[in-house]
All heavy atoms as atom14 arrays in JSON, in Angstrom:
{
  "sequence": "VKDDRITIVKPLVTRFWLERAAIEDASKLAAEIKAIRRTKRPL",
  "atom14_mask": [
    [1, 1, 1, 1, 1, 1, 1, 0, 0, 0, 0, 0, 0, 0],
    [1, 1, 1, 1, 1, 1, 1, 1, 1, 0, 0, 0, 0, 0],
    [1, 1, 1, 1, 1, 1, 1, 1, 0, 0, 0, 0, 0, 0],
    [1, 1, 1, 1, 1, 1, 1, 1, 0, 0, 0, 0, 0, 0],
    [1, 1, 1, 1, 1, 1, 1, 1, 1, 1, 1, 0, 0, 0],
    [1, 1, 1, 1, 1, 1, 1, 1, 0, 0, 0, 0, 0, 0],
    [1, 1, 1, 1, 1, 1, 1, 0, 0, 0, 0, 0, 0, 0],
    [1, 1, 1, 1, 1, 1, 1, 1, 0, 0, 0, 0, 0, 0],
    [1, 1, 1, 1, 1, 1, 1, 0, 0, 0, 0, 0, 0, 0],
    [1, 1, 1, 1, 1, 1, 1, 1, 1, 0, 0, 0, 0, 0],
    [1, 1, 1, 1, 1, 1, 1, 0, 0, 0, 0, 0, 0, 0],
    [1, 1, 1, 1, 1, 1, 1, 1, 0, 0, 0, 0, 0, 0],
    [1, 1, 1, 1, 1, 1, 1, 0, 0, 0, 0, 0, 0, 0],
    [1, 1, 1, 1, 1, 1, 1, 0, 0, 0, 0, 0, 0, 0],
    [1, 1, 1, 1, 1, 1, 1, 1, 1, 1, 1, 0, 0, 0],
    [1, 1, 1, 1, 1, 1, 1, 1, 1, 1, 1, 0, 0, 0],
    [1, 1, 1, 1, 1, 1, 1, 1, 1, 1, 1, 1, 1, 1],
    [1, 1, 1, 1, 1, 1, 1, 1, 0, 0, 0, 0, 0, 0],
    [1, 1, 1, 1, 1, 1, 1, 1, 1, 0, 0, 0, 0, 0],
    [1, 1, 1, 1, 1, 1, 1, 1, 1, 1, 1, 0, 0, 0],
    [1, 1, 1, 1, 1, 0, 0, 0, 0, 0, 0, 0, 0, 0],
    [1, 1, 1, 1, 1, 0, 0, 0, 0, 0, 0, 0, 0, 0],
    [1, 1, 1, 1, 1, 1, 1, 1, 0, 0, 0, 0, 0, 0],
    [1, 1, 1, 1, 1, 1, 1, 1, 1, 0, 0, 0, 0, 0],
    [1, 1, 1, 1, 1, 1, 1, 1, 0, 0, 0, 0, 0, 0],
    [1, 1, 1, 1, 1, 0, 0, 0, 0, 0, 0, 0, 0, 0],
    [1, 1, 1, 1, 1, 1, 0, 0, 0, 0, 0, 0, 0, 0],
    [1, 1, 1, 1, 1, 1, 1, 1, 1, 0, 0, 0, 0, 0],
    [1, 1, 1, 1, 1, 1, 1, 1, 0, 0, 0, 0, 0, 0],
    [1, 1, 1, 1, 1, 0, 0, 0, 0, 0, 0, 0, 0, 0],
    [1, 1, 1, 1, 1, 0, 0, 0, 0, 0, 0, 0, 0, 0],
    [1, 1, 1, 1, 1, 1, 1, 1, 1, 0, 0, 0, 0, 0],
    [1, 1, 1, 1, 1, 1, 1, 1, 0, 0, 0, 0, 0, 0],
    [1, 1, 1, 1, 1, 1, 1, 1, 1, 0, 0, 0, 0, 0],
    [1, 1, 1, 1, 1, 0, 0, 0, 0, 0, 0, 0, 0, 0],
    [1, 1, 1, 1, 1, 1, 1, 1, 0, 0, 0, 0, 0, 0],
    [1, 1, 1, 1, 1, 1, 1, 1, 1, 1, 1, 0, 0, 0],
    [1, 1, 1, 1, 1, 1, 1, 1, 1, 1, 1, 0, 0, 0],
    [1, 1, 1, 1, 1, 1, 1, 0, 0, 0, 0, 0, 0, 0],
    [1, 1, 1, 1, 1, 1, 1, 1, 1, 0, 0, 0, 0, 0],
    [1, 1, 1, 1, 1, 1, 1, 1, 1, 1, 1, 0, 0, 0],
    [1, 1, 1, 1, 1, 1, 1, 0, 0, 0, 0, 0, 0, 0],
    [1, 1, 1, 1, 1, 1, 1, 1, 0, 0, 0, 0, 0, 0]
  ],
  "atom14_positions": [
    [[-43.26, 45.5, -7.89], [-42.76, 46.03, -9.14], [-43.69, 47.11, -9.52], [-44.87, 46.93, -9.59], [-42.72, 44.96, -10.21], [-42.14, 45.58, -11.47], [-42.01, 43.67, -9.79], [0.0, 0.0, 0.0], [0.0, 0.0, 0.0], [0.0, 0.0, 0.0], [0.0, 0.0, 0.0], [0.0, 0.0, 0.0], [0.0, 0.0, 0.0], [0.0, 0.0, 0.0]],
    [[-42.98, 48.23, -9.84], [-43.76, 49.53, -10.36], [-42.88, 50.23, -11.37], [-41.82, 50.67, -11.05], [-44.11, 50.47, -9.3], [-44.99, 51.58, -9.74], [-45.39, 52.47, -8.59], [-46.34, 53.69, -9.05], [-46.65, 54.47, -7.98], [0.0, 0.0, 0.0], [0.0, 0.0, 0.0], [0.0, 0.0, 0.0], [0.0, 0.0, 0.0], [0.0, 0.0, 0.0]],
    [[-43.35, 50.15, -12.58], [-42.62, 50.76, -13.68], [-41.06, 50.1, -13.76], [-41.1, 48.95, -13.91], [-42.52, 52.35, -13.56], [-43.84, 52.91, -13.59], [-44.71, 52.39, -14.31], [-44.05, 53.94, -12.82], [0.0, 0.0, 0.0], [0.0, 0.0, 0.0], [0.0, 0.0, 0.0], [0.0, 0.0, 0.0], [0.0, 0.0, 0.0], [0.0, 0.0, 0.0]],
    [[-40.09, 50.96, -13.67], [-38.75, 50.42, -13.79], [-38.03, 50.23, -12.5], [-36.85, 50.15, -12.36], [-37.83, 51.3, -14.73], [-37.75, 52.74, -14.08], [-38.44, 53.03, -13.14], [-37.03, 53.51, -14.61], [0.0, 0.0, 0.0], [0.0, 0.0, 0.0], [0.0, 0.0, 0.0], [0.0, 0.0, 0.0], [0.0, 0.0, 0.0], [0.0, 0.0, 0.0]],
    [[-38.82, 50.13, -11.4], [-38.33, 50.01, -9.98], [-38.9, 48.84, -9.34], [-40.19, 48.46, -9.5], [-38.68, 51.23, -9.25], [-38.25, 51.28, -7.74], [-38.58, 52.43, -7.03], [-38.03, 53.62, -7.45], [-38.07, 54.81, -6.89], [-38.95, 54.87, -5.7], [-37.53, 55.91, -7.46], [0.0, 0.0, 0.0], [0.0, 0.0, 0.0], [0.0, 0.0, 0.0]],
    [[-38.1, 47.98, -8.69], [-38.5, 46.9, -7.91], [-38.12, 47.2, -6.35], [-36.95, 47.48, -6.14], [-37.77, 45.53, -8.24], [-38.16, 45.29, -9.85], [-38.21, 44.4, -7.4], [-37.43, 44.14, -10.38], [0.0, 0.0, 0.0], [0.0, 0.0, 0.0], [0.0, 0.0, 0.0], [0.0, 0.0, 0.0], [0.0, 0.0, 0.0], [0.0, 0.0, 0.0]],
    [[-39.11, 47.1, -5.48], [-38.89, 47.4, -4.13], [-39.02, 45.99, -3.26], [-40.01, 45.33, -3.44], [-39.8, 48.51, -3.58], [-39.84, 49.65, -4.48], [-39.62, 48.79, -2.16], [0.0, 0.0, 0.0], [0.0, 0.0, 0.0], [0.0, 0.0, 0.0], [0.0, 0.0, 0.0], [0.0, 0.0, 0.0], [0.0, 0.0, 0.0], [0.0, 0.0, 0.0]],
    [[-38.01, 45.72, -2.5], [-38.03, 44.64, -1.61], [-38.07, 45.22, -0.2], [-37.18, 45.93, 0.24], [-36.73, 43.83, -1.78], [-36.39, 43.49, -3.2], [-36.95, 42.52, -0.92], [-34.96, 42.79, -3.36], [0.0, 0.0, 0.0], [0.0, 0.0, 0.0], [0.0, 0.0, 0.0], [0.0, 0.0, 0.0], [0.0, 0.0, 0.0], [0.0, 0.0, 0.0]],
    [[-39.18, 44.95, 0.42], [-39.29, 45.35, 1.77], [-39.14, 44.2, 2.72], [-39.72, 43.13, 2.57], [-40.85, 45.96, 2.02], [-40.91, 46.53, 3.52], [-41.16, 47.06, 1.06], [0.0, 0.0, 0.0], [0.0, 0.0, 0.0], [0.0, 0.0, 0.0], [0.0, 0.0, 0.0], [0.0, 0.0, 0.0], [0.0, 0.0, 0.0], [0.0, 0.0, 0.0]],
    [[-38.3, 44.43, 3.74], [-37.97, 43.28, 4.64], [-37.67, 43.87, 6.08], [-37.25, 44.98, 6.24], [-36.74, 42.53, 4.12], [-35.47, 43.36, 3.92], [-34.33, 42.48, 3.35], [-34.77, 41.69, 2.16], [-33.73, 40.66, 1.83], [0.0, 0.0, 0.0], [0.0, 0.0, 0.0], [0.0, 0.0, 0.0], [0.0, 0.0, 0.0], [0.0, 0.0, 0.0]],
    [[-37.71, 42.95, 6.99], [-37.39, 43.31, 8.49], [-35.9, 43.75, 8.57], [-35.07, 43.21, 7.88], [-37.62, 42.15, 9.29], [-38.68, 41.33, 8.5], [-38.32, 41.63, 7.04], [0.0, 0.0, 0.0], [0.0, 0.0, 0.0], [0.0, 0.0, 0.0], [0.0, 0.0, 0.0], [0.0, 0.0, 0.0], [0.0, 0.0, 0.0], [0.0, 0.0, 0.0]],
    [[-35.55, 44.61, 9.41], [-34.25, 45.17, 9.56], [-33.65, 44.07, 10.59], [-33.25, 44.64, 11.74], [-34.2, 46.56, 10.0], [-32.93, 47.35, 9.81], [-32.6, 47.34, 8.4], [-33.06, 48.76, 10.38], [0.0, 0.0, 0.0], [0.0, 0.0, 0.0], [0.0, 0.0, 0.0], [0.0, 0.0, 0.0], [0.0, 0.0, 0.0], [0.0, 0.0, 0.0]],
    [[-33.36, 43.03, 10.14], [-32.68, 41.91, 10.94], [-31.61, 41.28, 10.17], [-31.85, 41.0, 8.94], [-33.81, 40.88, 11.26], [-33.16, 39.7, 12.08], [-34.94, 41.35, 12.15], [0.0, 0.0, 0.0], [0.0, 0.0, 0.0], [0.0, 0.0, 0.0], [0.0, 0.0, 0.0], [0.0, 0.0, 0.0], [0.0, 0.0, 0.0], [0.0, 0.0, 0.0]],
    [[-30.49, 41.12, 10.69], [-29.3, 40.7, 10.0], [-29.47, 39.54, 8.95], [-28.97, 39.53, 7.91], [-28.27, 40.35, 11.0], [-27.72, 41.55, 11.59], [-26.89, 39.74, 10.2], [0.0, 0.0, 0.0], [0.0, 0.0, 0.0], [0.0, 0.0, 0.0], [0.0, 0.0, 0.0], [0.0, 0.0, 0.0], [0.0, 0.0, 0.0], [0.0, 0.0, 0.0]],
    [[-30.21, 38.47, 9.42], [-30.29, 37.29, 8.6], [-31.04, 37.63, 7.25], [-30.79, 36.72, 6.22], [-31.01, 36.12, 9.32], [-32.55, 36.26, 9.39], [-33.15, 35.23, 10.33], [-34.55, 35.24, 10.52], [-35.34, 34.52, 9.75], [-34.99, 33.87, 8.76], [-36.7, 34.58, 10.03], [0.0, 0.0, 0.0], [0.0, 0.0, 0.0], [0.0, 0.0, 0.0]],
    [[-31.7, 38.63, 7.17], [-32.35, 38.95, 5.83], [-31.47, 40.03, 5.0], [-31.83, 40.24, 3.93], [-33.78, 39.76, 6.08], [-34.83, 38.92, 6.79], [-35.18, 39.25, 8.07], [-35.25, 37.79, 6.26], [-36.06, 38.52, 8.69], [-36.25, 37.02, 6.78], [-36.67, 37.17, 7.96], [0.0, 0.0, 0.0], [0.0, 0.0, 0.0], [0.0, 0.0, 0.0]],
    [[-30.24, 40.26, 5.63], [-29.47, 41.14, 4.84], [-28.05, 40.6, 4.56], [-27.13, 41.43, 4.31], [-29.31, 42.57, 5.62], [-30.55, 43.34, 5.75], [-31.61, 43.11, 6.6], [-30.99, 44.33, 4.92], [-32.56, 43.93, 6.36], [-32.22, 44.75, 5.35], [-30.42, 44.97, 3.8], [-32.97, 45.73, 4.62], [-31.18, 45.88, 3.2], [-32.42, 46.33, 3.61]],
    [[-27.96, 39.25, 4.76], [-26.7, 38.55, 4.43], [-26.41, 38.6, 2.99], [-27.43, 38.68, 2.18], [-26.66, 37.17, 5.08], [-26.73, 37.06, 6.64], [-26.89, 35.66, 6.99], [-25.64, 37.77, 7.27], [0.0, 0.0, 0.0], [0.0, 0.0, 0.0], [0.0, 0.0, 0.0], [0.0, 0.0, 0.0], [0.0, 0.0, 0.0], [0.0, 0.0, 0.0]],
    [[-25.3, 38.3, 2.53], [-25.09, 38.2, 1.18], [-25.66, 36.88, 0.56], [-26.06, 36.8, -0.65], [-23.58, 38.11, 0.81], [-22.83, 39.35, 1.03], [-21.34, 39.35, 0.73], [-21.03, 39.17, -0.61], [-20.46, 39.61, 1.61], [0.0, 0.0, 0.0], [0.0, 0.0, 0.0], [0.0, 0.0, 0.0], [0.0, 0.0, 0.0], [0.0, 0.0, 0.0]],
    [[-25.89, 35.86, 1.43], [-26.63, 34.58, 1.14], [-28.07, 35.02, 0.72], [-28.6, 34.62, -0.3], [-26.62, 33.71, 2.16], [-27.48, 32.39, 2.05], [-27.6, 31.61, 3.26], [-26.24, 31.09, 3.76], [-25.81, 29.93, 3.31], [-26.53, 29.26, 2.43], [-24.62, 29.49, 3.66], [0.0, 0.0, 0.0], [0.0, 0.0, 0.0], [0.0, 0.0, 0.0]],
    [[-28.67, 35.95, 1.54], [-30.07, 36.5, 1.25], [-30.07, 37.29, -0.1], [-31.02, 37.17, -0.82], [-30.49, 37.32, 2.41], [0.0, 0.0, 0.0], [0.0, 0.0, 0.0], [0.0, 0.0, 0.0], [0.0, 0.0, 0.0], [0.0, 0.0, 0.0], [0.0, 0.0, 0.0], [0.0, 0.0, 0.0], [0.0, 0.0, 0.0], [0.0, 0.0, 0.0]],
    [[-28.9, 38.12, -0.33], [-28.97, 38.73, -1.65], [-28.92, 37.92, -2.84], [-29.5, 38.0, -3.86], [-27.74, 39.63, -1.66], [0.0, 0.0, 0.0], [0.0, 0.0, 0.0], [0.0, 0.0, 0.0], [0.0, 0.0, 0.0], [0.0, 0.0, 0.0], [0.0, 0.0, 0.0], [0.0, 0.0, 0.0], [0.0, 0.0, 0.0], [0.0, 0.0, 0.0]],
    [[-28.15, 36.7, -2.79], [-28.17, 35.71, -3.8], [-29.59, 35.06, -3.99], [-29.97, 34.96, -5.14], [-27.13, 34.63, -3.63], [-25.79, 35.31, -3.48], [-27.15, 33.47, -4.54], [-24.6, 34.31, -3.01], [0.0, 0.0, 0.0], [0.0, 0.0, 0.0], [0.0, 0.0, 0.0], [0.0, 0.0, 0.0], [0.0, 0.0, 0.0], [0.0, 0.0, 0.0]],
    [[-30.17, 34.77, -2.9], [-31.59, 34.13, -2.97], [-32.64, 35.11, -3.55], [-33.43, 34.86, -4.41], [-32.01, 33.63, -1.65], [-31.18, 32.6, -1.07], [-31.56, 32.22, 0.44], [-32.22, 32.96, 0.99], [-30.97, 31.15, 0.86], [0.0, 0.0, 0.0], [0.0, 0.0, 0.0], [0.0, 0.0, 0.0], [0.0, 0.0, 0.0], [0.0, 0.0, 0.0]],
    [[-32.41, 36.45, -3.01], [-33.33, 37.44, -3.63], [-33.25, 37.7, -5.03], [-34.1, 38.05, -5.79], [-33.19, 38.78, -2.74], [-33.58, 38.66, -1.31], [-34.39, 37.75, -0.98], [-33.29, 39.55, -0.54], [0.0, 0.0, 0.0], [0.0, 0.0, 0.0], [0.0, 0.0, 0.0], [0.0, 0.0, 0.0], [0.0, 0.0, 0.0], [0.0, 0.0, 0.0]],
    [[-31.86, 37.71, -5.38], [-31.59, 37.9, -6.88], [-32.28, 36.98, -7.81], [-32.79, 37.36, -8.83], [-30.15, 37.93, -7.16], [0.0, 0.0, 0.0], [0.0, 0.0, 0.0], [0.0, 0.0, 0.0], [0.0, 0.0, 0.0], [0.0, 0.0, 0.0], [0.0, 0.0, 0.0], [0.0, 0.0, 0.0], [0.0, 0.0, 0.0], [0.0, 0.0, 0.0]],
    [[-32.5, 35.72, -7.31], [-33.06, 34.66, -8.25], [-34.59, 35.01, -8.26], [-35.2, 34.71, -9.32], [-32.9, 33.25, -7.59], [-33.42, 33.13, -6.36], [0.0, 0.0, 0.0], [0.0, 0.0, 0.0], [0.0, 0.0, 0.0], [0.0, 0.0, 0.0], [0.0, 0.0, 0.0], [0.0, 0.0, 0.0], [0.0, 0.0, 0.0], [0.0, 0.0, 0.0]],
    [[-35.15, 35.5, -7.21], [-36.52, 36.0, -7.2], [-36.69, 37.04, -8.1], [-37.71, 37.22, -8.99], [-37.05, 36.28, -5.84], [-36.98, 35.21, -4.82], [-37.35, 35.71, -3.47], [-36.99, 34.73, -2.38], [-37.45, 35.26, -0.93], [0.0, 0.0, 0.0], [0.0, 0.0, 0.0], [0.0, 0.0, 0.0], [0.0, 0.0, 0.0], [0.0, 0.0, 0.0]],
    [[-35.85, 38.08, -8.06], [-36.03, 39.23, -8.79], [-35.8, 39.05, -10.36], [-36.39, 39.74, -11.14], [-34.93, 40.35, -8.44], [-35.04, 40.96, -7.09], [-34.05, 42.0, -6.73], [-36.5, 41.47, -6.9], [0.0, 0.0, 0.0], [0.0, 0.0, 0.0], [0.0, 0.0, 0.0], [0.0, 0.0, 0.0], [0.0, 0.0, 0.0], [0.0, 0.0, 0.0]],
    [[-35.08, 37.98, -10.67], [-34.91, 37.61, -12.09], [-36.15, 37.43, -12.83], [-36.36, 37.83, -13.94], [-33.96, 36.42, -12.27], [0.0, 0.0, 0.0], [0.0, 0.0, 0.0], [0.0, 0.0, 0.0], [0.0, 0.0, 0.0], [0.0, 0.0, 0.0], [0.0, 0.0, 0.0], [0.0, 0.0, 0.0], [0.0, 0.0, 0.0], [0.0, 0.0, 0.0]],
    [[-37.08, 36.7, -12.14], [-38.45, 36.43, -12.74], [-39.19, 37.77, -12.91], [-39.85, 38.05, -13.95], [-39.17, 35.49, -11.76], [0.0, 0.0, 0.0], [0.0, 0.0, 0.0], [0.0, 0.0, 0.0], [0.0, 0.0, 0.0], [0.0, 0.0, 0.0], [0.0, 0.0, 0.0], [0.0, 0.0, 0.0], [0.0, 0.0, 0.0], [0.0, 0.0, 0.0]],
    [[-39.06, 38.74, -12.0], [-39.79, 39.93, -12.0], [-39.13, 40.84, -13.12], [-39.83, 41.49, -13.92], [-39.58, 40.77, -10.68], [-40.08, 39.99, -9.5], [-41.62, 39.75, -9.46], [-42.3, 40.42, -10.21], [-41.96, 39.02, -8.79], [0.0, 0.0, 0.0], [0.0, 0.0, 0.0], [0.0, 0.0, 0.0], [0.0, 0.0, 0.0], [0.0, 0.0, 0.0]],
    [[-37.88, 40.83, -13.27], [-37.18, 41.57, -14.41], [-37.6, 40.93, -15.7], [-37.75, 41.71, -16.7], [-35.65, 41.49, -14.2], [-35.24, 42.27, -12.9], [-35.0, 42.06, -15.39], [-33.8, 42.31, -12.58], [0.0, 0.0, 0.0], [0.0, 0.0, 0.0], [0.0, 0.0, 0.0], [0.0, 0.0, 0.0], [0.0, 0.0, 0.0], [0.0, 0.0, 0.0]],
    [[-37.75, 39.78, -15.95], [-38.26, 39.09, -17.11], [-39.6, 39.74, -17.45], [-39.93, 40.08, -18.62], [-38.38, 37.66, -16.99], [-37.07, 36.8, -17.0], [-37.34, 35.29, -16.89], [-36.04, 34.58, -16.91], [-36.18, 33.14, -16.89], [0.0, 0.0, 0.0], [0.0, 0.0, 0.0], [0.0, 0.0, 0.0], [0.0, 0.0, 0.0], [0.0, 0.0, 0.0]],
    [[-40.45, 39.96, -16.54], [-41.74, 40.45, -16.73], [-41.69, 41.79, -17.23], [-42.42, 42.33, -18.33], [-42.68, 40.44, -15.55], [0.0, 0.0, 0.0], [0.0, 0.0, 0.0], [0.0, 0.0, 0.0], [0.0, 0.0, 0.0], [0.0, 0.0, 0.0], [0.0, 0.0, 0.0], [0.0, 0.0, 0.0], [0.0, 0.0, 0.0], [0.0, 0.0, 0.0]],
    [[-40.7, 42.61, -16.63], [-40.56, 44.08, -17.19], [-39.95, 44.1, -18.56], [-40.31, 44.8, -19.35], [-39.5, 44.75, -16.21], [-40.24, 44.83, -14.84], [-39.14, 46.11, -16.77], [-39.3, 45.41, -13.68], [0.0, 0.0, 0.0], [0.0, 0.0, 0.0], [0.0, 0.0, 0.0], [0.0, 0.0, 0.0], [0.0, 0.0, 0.0], [0.0, 0.0, 0.0]],
    [[-39.06, 43.08, -18.84], [-38.39, 43.12, -20.19], [-39.45, 42.79, -21.3], [-39.37, 43.34, -22.42], [-37.41, 41.93, -20.29], [-36.13, 42.23, -19.4], [-35.18, 41.03, -19.54], [-34.73, 40.76, -20.97], [-33.93, 39.8, -21.35], [-33.43, 38.98, -20.42], [-33.6, 39.68, -22.51], [0.0, 0.0, 0.0], [0.0, 0.0, 0.0], [0.0, 0.0, 0.0]],
    [[-40.55, 42.05, -20.95], [-41.61, 41.65, -21.91], [-42.31, 43.05, -22.37], [-42.91, 42.98, -23.5], [-42.45, 40.69, -21.32], [-41.88, 39.28, -21.37], [-43.02, 38.26, -21.27], [-43.59, 38.3, -19.92], [-43.1, 37.47, -18.88], [-42.02, 36.74, -19.12], [-43.59, 37.57, -17.66], [0.0, 0.0, 0.0], [0.0, 0.0, 0.0], [0.0, 0.0, 0.0]],
    [[-42.43, 43.96, -21.48], [-43.2, 45.15, -21.66], [-42.31, 46.33, -22.18], [-42.6, 47.0, -23.25], [-43.91, 45.62, -20.51], [-43.02, 45.71, -19.32], [-44.94, 44.58, -20.05], [0.0, 0.0, 0.0], [0.0, 0.0, 0.0], [0.0, 0.0, 0.0], [0.0, 0.0, 0.0], [0.0, 0.0, 0.0], [0.0, 0.0, 0.0], [0.0, 0.0, 0.0]],
    [[-41.18, 46.62, -21.49], [-40.32, 47.75, -21.79], [-39.02, 47.42, -22.41], [-38.44, 48.3, -22.97], [-40.22, 48.6, -20.5], [-41.47, 49.13, -19.85], [-41.12, 50.06, -18.71], [-40.46, 51.23, -19.17], [-40.2, 52.21, -18.05], [0.0, 0.0, 0.0], [0.0, 0.0, 0.0], [0.0, 0.0, 0.0], [0.0, 0.0, 0.0], [0.0, 0.0, 0.0]],
    [[-38.57, 46.21, -22.19], [-37.32, 45.64, -22.65], [-36.3, 46.6, -22.36], [-35.41, 47.05, -23.16], [-37.47, 45.44, -24.3], [-38.43, 44.41, -24.77], [-38.38, 44.06, -26.1], [-37.13, 43.43, -26.34], [-36.99, 42.03, -26.16], [-37.92, 41.32, -25.63], [-35.77, 41.54, -26.5], [0.0, 0.0, 0.0], [0.0, 0.0, 0.0], [0.0, 0.0, 0.0]],
    [[-36.11, 46.95, -21.16], [-34.91, 47.7, -20.7], [-33.57, 47.14, -20.62], [-32.52, 47.64, -20.59], [-35.3, 48.28, -19.36], [-36.13, 47.16, -18.74], [-36.84, 46.59, -19.9], [0.0, 0.0, 0.0], [0.0, 0.0, 0.0], [0.0, 0.0, 0.0], [0.0, 0.0, 0.0], [0.0, 0.0, 0.0], [0.0, 0.0, 0.0], [0.0, 0.0, 0.0]],
    [[-33.63, 45.72, -20.35], [-32.42, 44.98, -20.16], [-32.13, 44.13, -21.48], [-33.09, 43.59, -22.05], [-32.66, 44.05, -19.0], [-32.64, 44.88, -17.65], [-32.71, 43.86, -16.51], [-31.35, 45.69, -17.44], [0.0, 0.0, 0.0], [0.0, 0.0, 0.0], [0.0, 0.0, 0.0], [0.0, 0.0, 0.0], [0.0, 0.0, 0.0], [0.0, 0.0, 0.0]]
  ]
}
């Protein structure tokens, strides 16, 4: 997390880019976005 940008770096392998992975990643990012909201409250 840096400023208003979140970067997810991952291997370029299909299993990490399925929609199932997107749903799982979104739950992780929700916690990160909460941290950003506490400082900048963009959302």
